[in-house]
Amino acid sequence: MSHYIVEIIYRVPLSRIEQTVTAHRAHLQTGYDRGLLLASGPQNPRQGGILIARAAARTELEAFIAQDPYRQENLADYRLIEFQPVMHQSWTAEWFGA
């Protein structure tokens, strides 16, 4: 399993993002339901967001992102940063596969 930090970078004003945030969060919930996401939330200041994700293959995560309303409406760019979690809180051991 590969692990990622996904940076979402808004391309449009926040007022436009707000029009789609409910659909975006509903899409993220499908990622939680599938076990792809551990956490998500907006950056501060609110210029984008962060996802902590995992996937069997990068292409699986890319396919999930392709269905995000922010991506489909060209509202944001996505930066996938793969990392290897060598240390983590004990309560995350199952999620990180330790």
PDB file of N, CA and C in Angstrom:
ATOM      1  N   MET A   1       0.854  -1.178   0.000  1.00  0.00           N
ATOM      2  CA  MET A   1       0.000   0.000   0.000  1.00  0.00           C
ATOM      3  C   MET A   1       0.900   1.241   0.000  1.00  0.00           C
ATOM      4  N   SER A   2       0.595   2.183  -0.844  1.00  0.00           N
ATOM      5  CA  SER A   2       1.334   3.444  -0.898  1.00  0.00           C
ATOM      6  C   SER A   2       0.548   4.527  -0.169  1.00  0.00           C
ATOM      7  N   HIS A   3       1.281   5.448   0.444  1.00  0.00           N
ATOM      8  CA  HIS A   3       0.673   6.524   1.238  1.00  0.00           C
ATOM      9  C   HIS A   3       1.021   7.873   0.637  1.00  0.00           C
ATOM     10  N   TYR A   4       0.075   8.815   0.761  1.00  0.00           N
ATOM     11  CA  TYR A   4       0.210  10.100   0.097  1.00  0.00           C
ATOM     12  C   TYR A   4      -0.291  11.247   0.966  1.00  0.00           C
ATOM     13  N   ILE A   5       0.340  12.379   0.783  1.00  0.00           N
ATOM     14  CA  ILE A   5      -0.215  13.665   1.170  1.00  0.00           C
ATOM     15  C   ILE A   5      -0.674  14.270  -0.148  1.00  0.00           C
ATOM     16  N   VAL A   6      -1.913  14.679  -0.215  1.00  0.00           N
ATOM     17  CA  VAL A   6      -2.441  15.302  -1.425  1.00  0.00           C
ATOM     18  C   VAL A   6      -2.722  16.759  -1.092  1.00  0.00           C
ATOM     19  N   GLU A   7      -2.065  17.642  -1.816  1.00  0.00           N
ATOM     20  CA  GLU A   7      -2.328  19.067  -1.645  1.00  0.00           C
ATOM     21  C   GLU A   7      -3.297  19.497  -2.740  1.00  0.00           C
ATOM     22  N   ILE A   8      -4.393  20.081  -2.323  1.00  0.00           N
ATOM     23  CA  ILE A   8      -5.373  20.646  -3.249  1.00  0.00           C
ATOM     24  C   ILE A   8      -5.117  22.148  -3.280  1.00  0.00           C
ATOM     25  N   ILE A   9      -4.938  22.692  -4.472  1.00  0.00           N
ATOM     26  CA  ILE A   9      -4.632  24.116  -4.639  1.00  0.00           C
ATOM     27  C   ILE A   9      -5.754  24.751  -5.443  1.00  0.00           C
ATOM     28  N   TYR A  10      -6.484  25.670  -4.820  1.00  0.00           N
ATOM     29  CA  TYR A  10      -7.601  26.317  -5.505  1.00  0.00           C
ATOM     30  C   TYR A  10      -7.109  27.162  -6.670  1.00  0.00           C
ATOM     31  N   ARG A  11      -7.845  27.110  -7.762  1.00  0.00           N
ATOM     32  CA  ARG A  11      -7.547  27.893  -8.969  1.00  0.00           C
ATOM     33  C   ARG A  11      -8.493  29.071  -9.118  1.00  0.00           C
ATOM     34  N   VAL A  12      -9.542  29.092  -8.296  1.00  0.00           N
ATOM     35  CA  VAL A  12     -10.597  30.097  -8.419  1.00  0.00           C
ATOM     36  C   VAL A  12     -10.824  30.748  -7.051  1.00  0.00           C
ATOM     37  N   PRO A  13     -11.524  31.875  -7.016  1.00  0.00           N
ATOM     38  CA  PRO A  13     -11.807  32.523  -5.730  1.00  0.00           C
ATOM     39  C   PRO A  13     -12.606  31.609  -4.791  1.00  0.00           C
ATOM     40  N   LEU A  14     -12.426  31.829  -3.504  1.00  0.00           N
ATOM     41  CA  LEU A  14     -13.082  31.023  -2.477  1.00  0.00           C
ATOM     42  C   LEU A  14     -14.602  31.040  -2.638  1.00  0.00           C
ATOM     43  N   SER A  15     -15.157  32.141  -3.101  1.00  0.00           N
ATOM     44  CA  SER A  15     -16.610  32.212  -3.300  1.00  0.00           C
ATOM     45  C   SER A  15     -17.083  31.145  -4.284  1.00  0.00           C
ATOM     46  N   ARG A  16     -16.275  30.832  -5.275  1.00  0.00           N
ATOM     47  CA  ARG A  16     -16.625  29.776  -6.240  1.00  0.00           C
ATOM     48  C   ARG A  16     -16.452  28.396  -5.622  1.00  0.00           C
ATOM     49  N   ILE A  17     -15.412  28.221  -4.823  1.00  0.00           N
ATOM     50  CA  ILE A  17     -15.191  26.948  -4.115  1.00  0.00           C
ATOM     51  C   ILE A  17     -16.382  26.640  -3.212  1.00  0.00           C
ATOM     52  N   GLU A  18     -16.878  27.647  -2.499  1.00  0.00           N
ATOM     53  CA  GLU A  18     -17.996  27.457  -1.570  1.00  0.00           C
ATOM     54  C   GLU A  18     -19.238  26.895  -2.262  1.00  0.00           C
ATOM     55  N   GLN A  19     -19.413  27.181  -3.528  1.00  0.00           N
ATOM     56  CA  GLN A  19     -20.560  26.674  -4.274  1.00  0.00           C
ATOM     57  C   GLN A  19     -20.484  25.166  -4.501  1.00  0.00           C
ATOM     58  N   THR A  20     -19.283  24.601  -4.382  1.00  0.00           N
ATOM     59  CA  THR A  20     -19.073  23.188  -4.707  1.00  0.00           C
ATOM     60  C   THR A  20     -18.600  22.374  -3.504  1.00  0.00           C
ATOM     61  N   VAL A  21     -18.369  23.024  -2.371  1.00  0.00           N
ATOM     62  CA  VAL A  21     -17.763  22.328  -1.225  1.00  0.00           C
ATOM     63  C   VAL A  21     -18.619  21.158  -0.732  1.00  0.00           C
ATOM     64  N   THR A  22     -19.935  21.276  -0.759  1.00  0.00           N
ATOM     65  CA  THR A  22     -20.789  20.173  -0.294  1.00  0.00           C
ATOM     66  C   THR A  22     -20.615  18.939  -1.176  1.00  0.00           C
ATOM     67  N   ALA A  23     -20.598  19.134  -2.485  1.00  0.00           N
ATOM     68  CA  ALA A  23     -20.394  18.003  -3.406  1.00  0.00           C
ATOM     69  C   ALA A  23     -18.990  17.427  -3.254  1.00  0.00           C
ATOM     70  N   HIS A  24     -17.997  18.296  -3.057  1.00  0.00           N
ATOM     71  CA  HIS A  24     -16.621  17.854  -2.844  1.00  0.00           C
ATOM     72  C   HIS A  24     -16.539  16.973  -1.592  1.00  0.00           C
ATOM     73  N   ARG A  25     -17.132  17.433  -0.510  1.00  0.00           N
ATOM     74  CA  ARG A  25     -17.068  16.656   0.743  1.00  0.00           C
ATOM     75  C   ARG A  25     -17.857  15.350   0.642  1.00  0.00           C
ATOM     76  N   ALA A  26     -18.925  15.343  -0.111  1.00  0.00           N
ATOM     77  CA  ALA A  26     -19.657  14.087  -0.336  1.00  0.00           C
ATOM     78  C   ALA A  26     -18.775  13.100  -1.098  1.00  0.00           C
ATOM     79  N   HIS A  27     -18.020  13.614  -2.064  1.00  0.00           N
ATOM     80  CA  HIS A  27     -17.089  12.747  -2.796  1.00  0.00           C
ATOM     81  C   HIS A  27     -16.002  12.225  -1.860  1.00  0.00           C
ATOM     82  N   LEU A  28     -15.459  13.096  -1.019  1.00  0.00           N
ATOM     83  CA  LEU A  28     -14.440  12.641  -0.068  1.00  0.00           C
ATOM     84  C   LEU A  28     -14.981  11.530   0.819  1.00  0.00           C
ATOM     85  N   GLN A  29     -16.255  11.622   1.218  1.00  0.00           N
ATOM     86  CA  GLN A  29     -16.836  10.583   2.062  1.00  0.00           C
ATOM     87  C   GLN A  29     -16.763   9.220   1.387  1.00  0.00           C
ATOM     88  N   THR A  30     -16.902   9.186   0.060  1.00  0.00           N
ATOM     89  CA  THR A  30     -16.778   7.901  -0.631  1.00  0.00           C
ATOM     90  C   THR A  30     -15.358   7.362  -0.495  1.00  0.00           C
ATOM     91  N   GLY A  31     -14.369   8.259  -0.426  1.00  0.00           N
ATOM     92  CA  GLY A  31     -12.988   7.842  -0.203  1.00  0.00           C
ATOM     93  C   GLY A  31     -12.777   7.288   1.192  1.00  0.00           C
ATOM     94  N   TYR A  32     -13.437   7.891   2.182  1.00  0.00           N
ATOM     95  CA  TYR A  32     -13.379   7.347   3.539  1.00  0.00           C
ATOM     96  C   TYR A  32     -14.049   5.978   3.575  1.00  0.00           C
ATOM     97  N   ASP A  33     -15.191   5.857   2.925  1.00  0.00           N
ATOM     98  CA  ASP A  33     -15.923   4.586   2.917  1.00  0.00           C
ATOM     99  C   ASP A  33     -15.110   3.467   2.268  1.00  0.00           C
ATOM    100  N   ARG A  34     -14.286   3.806   1.287  1.00  0.00           N
ATOM    101  CA  ARG A  34     -13.450   2.827   0.579  1.00  0.00           C
ATOM    102  C   ARG A  34     -12.111   2.580   1.273  1.00  0.00           C
ATOM    103  N   GLY A  35     -11.808   3.335   2.322  1.00  0.00           N
ATOM    104  CA  GLY A  35     -10.543   3.171   3.021  1.00  0.00           C
ATOM    105  C   GLY A  35      -9.383   3.895   2.369  1.00  0.00           C
ATOM    106  N   LEU A  36      -9.659   4.809   1.434  1.00  0.00           N
ATOM    107  CA  LEU A  36      -8.595   5.570   0.773  1.00  0.00           C
ATOM    108  C   LEU A  36      -8.101   6.745   1.615  1.00  0.00           C
ATOM    109  N   LEU A  37      -8.955   7.314   2.442  1.00  0.00           N
ATOM    110  CA  LEU A  37      -8.619   8.533   3.175  1.00  0.00           C
ATOM    111  C   LEU A  37      -8.561   8.308   4.674  1.00  0.00           C
ATOM    112  N   LEU A  38      -7.598   8.966   5.298  1.00  0.00           N
ATOM    113  CA  LEU A  38      -7.476   8.973   6.752  1.00  0.00           C
ATOM    114  C   LEU A  38      -7.941  10.304   7.319  1.00  0.00           C
ATOM    115  N   ALA A  39      -7.638  11.398   6.627  1.00  0.00           N
ATOM    116  CA  ALA A  39      -8.000  12.735   7.103  1.00  0.00           C
ATOM    117  C   ALA A  39      -8.040  13.692   5.928  1.00  0.00           C
ATOM    118  N   SER A  40      -8.799  14.786   6.119  1.00  0.00           N
ATOM    119  CA  SER A  40      -8.875  15.833   5.098  1.00  0.00           C
ATOM    120  C   SER A  40      -9.307  17.121   5.763  1.00  0.00           C
ATOM    121  N   GLY A  41      -8.968  18.224   5.116  1.00  0.00           N
ATOM    122  CA  GLY A  41      -9.421  19.506   5.636  1.00  0.00           C
ATOM    123  C   GLY A  41      -8.812  20.661   4.873  1.00  0.00           C
ATOM    124  N   PRO A  42      -9.387  21.850   5.059  1.00  0.00           N
ATOM    125  CA  PRO A  42      -8.885  23.035   4.368  1.00  0.00           C
ATOM    126  C   PRO A  42      -7.574  23.523   4.978  1.00  0.00           C
ATOM    127  N   GLN A  43      -6.778  24.163   4.151  1.00  0.00           N
ATOM    128  CA  GLN A  43      -5.560  24.815   4.628  1.00  0.00           C
ATOM    129  C   GLN A  43      -5.940  26.111   5.347  1.00  0.00           C
ATOM    130  N   ASN A  44      -5.011  26.619   6.125  1.00  0.00           N
ATOM    131  CA  ASN A  44      -5.196  27.901   6.790  1.00  0.00           C
ATOM    132  C   ASN A  44      -3.979  28.754   6.508  1.00  0.00           C
ATOM    133  N   PRO A  45      -4.078  29.822   5.710  1.00  0.00           N
ATOM    134  CA  PRO A  45      -5.302  30.388   5.159  1.00  0.00           C
ATOM    135  C   PRO A  45      -5.895  29.486   4.090  1.00  0.00           C
ATOM    136  N   ARG A  46      -7.132  29.694   3.797  1.00  0.00           N
ATOM    137  CA  ARG A  46      -7.915  28.789   2.944  1.00  0.00           C
ATOM    138  C   ARG A  46      -7.609  29.008   1.462  1.00  0.00           C
ATOM    139  N   GLN A  47      -6.480  28.450   1.052  1.00  0.00           N
ATOM    140  CA  GLN A  47      -6.032  28.517  -0.339  1.00  0.00           C
ATOM    141  C   GLN A  47      -6.129  27.169  -1.026  1.00  0.00           C
ATOM    142  N   GLY A  48      -6.572  26.177  -0.278  1.00  0.00           N
ATOM    143  CA  GLY A  48      -6.661  24.820  -0.783  1.00  0.00           C
ATOM    144  C   GLY A  48      -6.943  23.880   0.369  1.00  0.00           C
ATOM    145  N   GLY A  49      -6.615  22.618   0.179  1.00  0.00           N
ATOM    146  CA  GLY A  49      -6.867  21.618   1.205  1.00  0.00           C
ATOM    147  C   GLY A  49      -5.789  20.554   1.204  1.00  0.00           C
ATOM    148  N   ILE A  50      -5.882  19.667   2.196  1.00  0.00           N
ATOM    149  CA  ILE A  50      -4.932  18.566   2.363  1.00  0.00           C
ATOM    150  C   ILE A  50      -5.719  17.270   2.576  1.00  0.00           C
ATOM    151  N   LEU A  51      -5.255  16.210   1.931  1.00  0.00           N
ATOM    152  CA  LEU A  51      -5.775  14.861   2.166  1.00  0.00           C
ATOM    153  C   LEU A  51      -4.623  13.984   2.612  1.00  0.00           C
ATOM    154  N   ILE A  52      -4.873  13.095   3.546  1.00  0.00           N
ATOM    155  CA  ILE A  52      -3.939  12.017   3.863  1.00  0.00           C
ATOM    156  C   ILE A  52      -4.586  10.762   3.315  1.00  0.00           C
ATOM    157  N   ALA A  53      -3.906  10.137   2.362  1.00  0.00           N
ATOM    158  CA  ALA A  53      -4.527   9.065   1.585  1.00  0.00           C
ATOM    159  C   ALA A  53      -3.607   7.862   1.457  1.00  0.00           C
ATOM    160  N   ARG A  54      -4.208   6.756   1.048  1.00  0.00           N
ATOM    161  CA  ARG A  54      -3.453   5.551   0.709  1.00  0.00           C
ATOM    162  C   ARG A  54      -4.158   4.867  -0.447  1.00  0.00           C
ATOM    163  N   ALA A  55      -3.397   4.086  -1.186  1.00  0.00           N
ATOM    164  CA  ALA A  55      -3.973   3.345  -2.309  1.00  0.00           C
ATOM    165  C   ALA A  55      -3.038   2.206  -2.673  1.00  0.00           C
ATOM    166  N   ALA A  56      -3.599   1.165  -3.243  1.00  0.00           N
ATOM    167  CA  ALA A  56      -2.790   0.034  -3.699  1.00  0.00           C
ATOM    168  C   ALA A  56      -1.861   0.467  -4.829  1.00  0.00           C
ATOM    169  N   ALA A  57      -2.323   1.427  -5.636  1.00  0.00           N
ATOM    170  CA  ALA A  57      -1.525   1.962  -6.735  1.00  0.00           C
ATOM    171  C   ALA A  57      -1.861   3.439  -6.901  1.00  0.00           C
ATOM    172  N   ARG A  58      -0.891   4.205  -7.337  1.00  0.00           N
ATOM    173  CA  ARG A  58      -1.114   5.642  -7.551  1.00  0.00           C
ATOM    174  C   ARG A  58      -2.285   5.888  -8.507  1.00  0.00           C
ATOM    175  N   THR A  59      -2.425   5.026  -9.498  1.00  0.00           N
ATOM    176  CA  THR A  59      -3.505   5.182 -10.468  1.00  0.00           C
ATOM    177  C   THR A  59      -4.885   5.104  -9.806  1.00  0.00           C
ATOM    178  N   GLU A  60      -5.007   4.321  -8.740  1.00  0.00           N
ATOM    179  CA  GLU A  60      -6.272   4.233  -8.008  1.00  0.00           C
ATOM    180  C   GLU A  60      -6.612   5.581  -7.371  1.00  0.00           C
ATOM    181  N   LEU A  61      -5.622   6.214  -6.748  1.00  0.00           N
ATOM    182  CA  LEU A  61      -5.838   7.519  -6.132  1.00  0.00           C
ATOM    183  C   LEU A  61      -6.099   8.582  -7.198  1.00  0.00           C
ATOM    184  N   GLU A  62      -5.374   8.519  -8.300  1.00  0.00           N
ATOM    185  CA  GLU A  62      -5.598   9.467  -9.394  1.00  0.00           C
ATOM    186  C   GLU A  62      -7.013   9.335  -9.955  1.00  0.00           C
ATOM    187  N   ALA A  63      -7.519   8.117 -10.067  1.00  0.00           N
ATOM    188  CA  ALA A  63      -8.888   7.902 -10.552  1.00  0.00           C
ATOM    189  C   ALA A  63      -9.905   8.476  -9.574  1.00  0.00           C
ATOM    190  N   PHE A  64      -9.652   8.327  -8.285  1.00  0.00           N
ATOM    191  CA  PHE A  64     -10.530   8.906  -7.260  1.00  0.00           C
ATOM    192  C   PHE A  64     -10.540  10.429  -7.376  1.00  0.00           C
ATOM    193  N   ILE A  65      -9.374  11.021  -7.503  1.00  0.00           N
ATOM    194  CA  ILE A  65      -9.265  12.473  -7.625  1.00  0.00           C
ATOM    195  C   ILE A  65      -9.962  12.968  -8.893  1.00  0.00           C
ATOM    196  N   ALA A  66      -9.875  12.206  -9.967  1.00  0.00           N
ATOM    197  CA  ALA A  66     -10.505  12.602 -11.226  1.00  0.00           C
ATOM    198  C   ALA A  66     -12.018  12.757 -11.091  1.00  0.00           C
ATOM    199  N   GLN A  67     -12.605  12.079 -10.116  1.00  0.00           N
ATOM    200  CA  GLN A  67     -14.050  12.161  -9.898  1.00  0.00           C
ATOM    201  C   GLN A  67     -14.442  13.276  -8.927  1.00  0.00           C
ATOM    202  N   ASP A  68     -13.468  13.945  -8.327  1.00  0.00           N
ATOM    203  CA  ASP A  68     -13.743  15.026  -7.376  1.00  0.00           C
ATOM    204  C   ASP A  68     -14.389  16.196  -8.125  1.00  0.00           C
ATOM    205  N   PRO A  69     -15.495  16.740  -7.621  1.00  0.00           N
ATOM    206  CA  PRO A  69     -16.121  17.886  -8.280  1.00  0.00           C
ATOM    207  C   PRO A  69     -15.173  19.068  -8.495  1.00  0.00           C
ATOM    208  N   TYR A  70     -14.241  19.279  -7.593  1.00  0.00           N
ATOM    209  CA  TYR A  70     -13.265  20.360  -7.804  1.00  0.00           C
ATOM    210  C   TYR A  70     -12.456  20.110  -9.074  1.00  0.00           C
ATOM    211  N   ARG A  71     -12.073  18.860  -9.312  1.00  0.00           N
ATOM    212  CA  ARG A  71     -11.314  18.519 -10.515  1.00  0.00           C
ATOM    213  C   ARG A  71     -12.212  18.582 -11.740  1.00  0.00           C
ATOM    214  N   GLN A  72     -13.390  18.020 -11.621  1.00  0.00           N
ATOM    215  CA  GLN A  72     -14.287  17.972 -12.772  1.00  0.00           C
ATOM    216  C   GLN A  72     -14.713  19.361 -13.237  1.00  0.00           C
ATOM    217  N   GLU A  73     -14.795  20.316 -12.309  1.00  0.00           N
ATOM    218  CA  GLU A  73     -15.185  21.677 -12.662  1.00  0.00           C
ATOM    219  C   GLU A  73     -13.968  22.600 -12.836  1.00  0.00           C
ATOM    220  N   ASN A  74     -12.769  22.006 -12.845  1.00  0.00           N
ATOM    221  CA  ASN A  74     -11.523  22.751 -13.050  1.00  0.00           C
ATOM    222  C   ASN A  74     -11.333  23.861 -12.019  1.00  0.00           C
ATOM    223  N   LEU A  75     -11.674  23.568 -10.769  1.00  0.00           N
ATOM    224  CA  LEU A  75     -11.581  24.546  -9.689  1.00  0.00           C
ATOM    225  C   LEU A  75     -10.271  24.452  -8.920  1.00  0.00           C
ATOM    226  N   ALA A  76      -9.577  23.319  -9.044  1.00  0.00           N
ATOM    227  CA  ALA A  76      -8.380  23.106  -8.238  1.00  0.00           C
ATOM    228  C   ALA A  76      -7.385  22.207  -8.958  1.00  0.00           C
ATOM    229  N   ASP A  77      -6.132  22.366  -8.556  1.00  0.00           N
ATOM    230  CA  ASP A  77      -5.058  21.476  -8.989  1.00  0.00           C
ATOM    231  C   ASP A  77      -4.717  20.562  -7.812  1.00  0.00           C
ATOM    232  N   TYR A  78      -4.106  19.424  -8.114  1.00  0.00           N
ATOM    233  CA  TYR A  78      -3.783  18.419  -7.093  1.00  0.00           C
ATOM    234  C   TYR A  78      -2.314  18.052  -7.188  1.00  0.00           C
ATOM    235  N   ARG A  79      -1.657  18.033  -6.064  1.00  0.00           N
ATOM    236  CA  ARG A  79      -0.254  17.621  -5.982  1.00  0.00           C
ATOM    237  C   ARG A  79      -0.185  16.393  -5.083  1.00  0.00           C
ATOM    238  N   LEU A  80       0.227  15.250  -5.646  1.00  0.00           N
ATOM    239  CA  LEU A  80       0.338  14.006  -4.891  1.00  0.00           C
ATOM    240  C   LEU A  80       1.781  13.812  -4.456  1.00  0.00           C
ATOM    241  N   ILE A  81       1.975  13.665  -3.161  1.00  0.00           N
ATOM    242  CA  ILE A  81       3.301  13.459  -2.584  1.00  0.00           C
ATOM    243  C   ILE A  81       3.283  12.089  -1.911  1.00  0.00           C
ATOM    244  N   GLU A  82       3.995  11.139  -2.505  1.00  0.00           N
ATOM    245  CA  GLU A  82       4.054   9.805  -1.909  1.00  0.00           C
ATOM    246  C   GLU A  82       5.100   9.803  -0.803  1.00  0.00           C
ATOM    247  N   PHE A  83       4.785   9.118   0.304  1.00  0.00           N
ATOM    248  CA  PHE A  83       5.740   9.013   1.397  1.00  0.00           C
ATOM    249  C   PHE A  83       5.622   7.641   2.045  1.00  0.00           C
ATOM    250  N   GLN A  84       6.664   7.280   2.780  1.00  0.00           N
ATOM    251  CA  GLN A  84       6.673   6.017   3.507  1.00  0.00           C
ATOM    252  C   GLN A  84       6.582   6.324   4.994  1.00  0.00           C
ATOM    253  N   PRO A  85       5.464   5.999   5.627  1.00  0.00           N
ATOM    254  CA  PRO A  85       5.286   6.298   7.045  1.00  0.00           C
ATOM    255  C   PRO A  85       6.078   5.324   7.927  1.00  0.00           C
ATOM    256  N   VAL A  86       7.260   5.734   8.343  1.00  0.00           N
ATOM    257  CA  VAL A  86       8.086   4.872   9.182  1.00  0.00           C
ATOM    258  C   VAL A  86       7.769   5.047  10.661  1.00  0.00           C
ATOM    259  N   MET A  87       7.171   6.170  11.018  1.00  0.00           N
ATOM    260  CA  MET A  87       6.718   6.397  12.394  1.00  0.00           C
ATOM    261  C   MET A  87       5.304   6.951  12.349  1.00  0.00           C
ATOM    262  N   HIS A  88       4.500   6.572  13.353  1.00  0.00           N
ATOM    263  CA  HIS A  88       3.118   7.044  13.430  1.00  0.00           C
ATOM    264  C   HIS A  88       2.575   6.747  14.816  1.00  0.00           C
ATOM    265  N   GLN A  89       1.458   7.362  15.137  1.00  0.00           N
ATOM    266  CA  GLN A  89       0.788   7.070  16.395  1.00  0.00           C
ATOM    267  C   GLN A  89       0.327   5.610  16.393  1.00  0.00           C
ATOM    268  N   SER A  90       0.371   4.978  17.535  1.00  0.00           N
ATOM    269  CA  SER A  90       0.009   3.560  17.607  1.00  0.00           C
ATOM    270  C   SER A  90      -1.421   3.296  17.143  1.00  0.00           C
ATOM    271  N   TRP A  91      -2.328   4.234  17.370  1.00  0.00           N
ATOM    272  CA  TRP A  91      -3.724   4.029  16.970  1.00  0.00           C
ATOM    273  C   TRP A  91      -3.916   4.056  15.454  1.00  0.00           C
ATOM    274  N   THR A  92      -2.881   4.436  14.692  1.00  0.00           N
ATOM    275  CA  THR A  92      -2.975   4.431  13.228  1.00  0.00           C
ATOM    276  C   THR A  92      -2.296   3.205  12.612  1.00  0.00           C
ATOM    277  N   ALA A  93      -1.804   2.312  13.445  1.00  0.00           N
ATOM    278  CA  ALA A  93      -1.009   1.168  12.949  1.00  0.00           C
ATOM    279  C   ALA A  93      -1.768   0.348  11.907  1.00  0.00           C
ATOM    280  N   GLU A  94      -3.026   0.066  12.145  1.00  0.00           N
ATOM    281  CA  GLU A  94      -3.795  -0.741  11.186  1.00  0.00           C
ATOM    282  C   GLU A  94      -3.910  -0.004   9.847  1.00  0.00           C
ATOM    283  N   TRP A  95      -4.198   1.293   9.891  1.00  0.00           N
ATOM    284  CA  TRP A  95      -4.366   2.065   8.640  1.00  0.00           C
ATOM    285  C   TRP A  95      -3.064   2.132   7.845  1.00  0.00           C
ATOM    286  N   PHE A  96      -1.947   2.319   8.542  1.00  0.00           N
ATOM    287  CA  PHE A  96      -0.668   2.411   7.854  1.00  0.00           C
ATOM    288  C   PHE A  96      -0.079   1.035   7.553  1.00  0.00           C
ATOM    289  N   GLY A  97      -0.712  -0.016   8.012  1.00  0.00           N
ATOM    290  CA  GLY A  97      -0.285  -1.366   7.688  1.00  0.00           C
ATOM    291  C   GLY A  97       0.943  -1.802   8.463  1.00  0.00           C
ATOM    292  N   ALA A  98       1.105  -1.244   9.644  1.00  0.00           N
ATOM    293  CA  ALA A  98       2.285  -1.601  10.462  1.00  0.00           C
ATOM    294  C   ALA A  98       2.007  -2.817  11.303  1.00  0.00           C
TER     295      ALA A  98
END
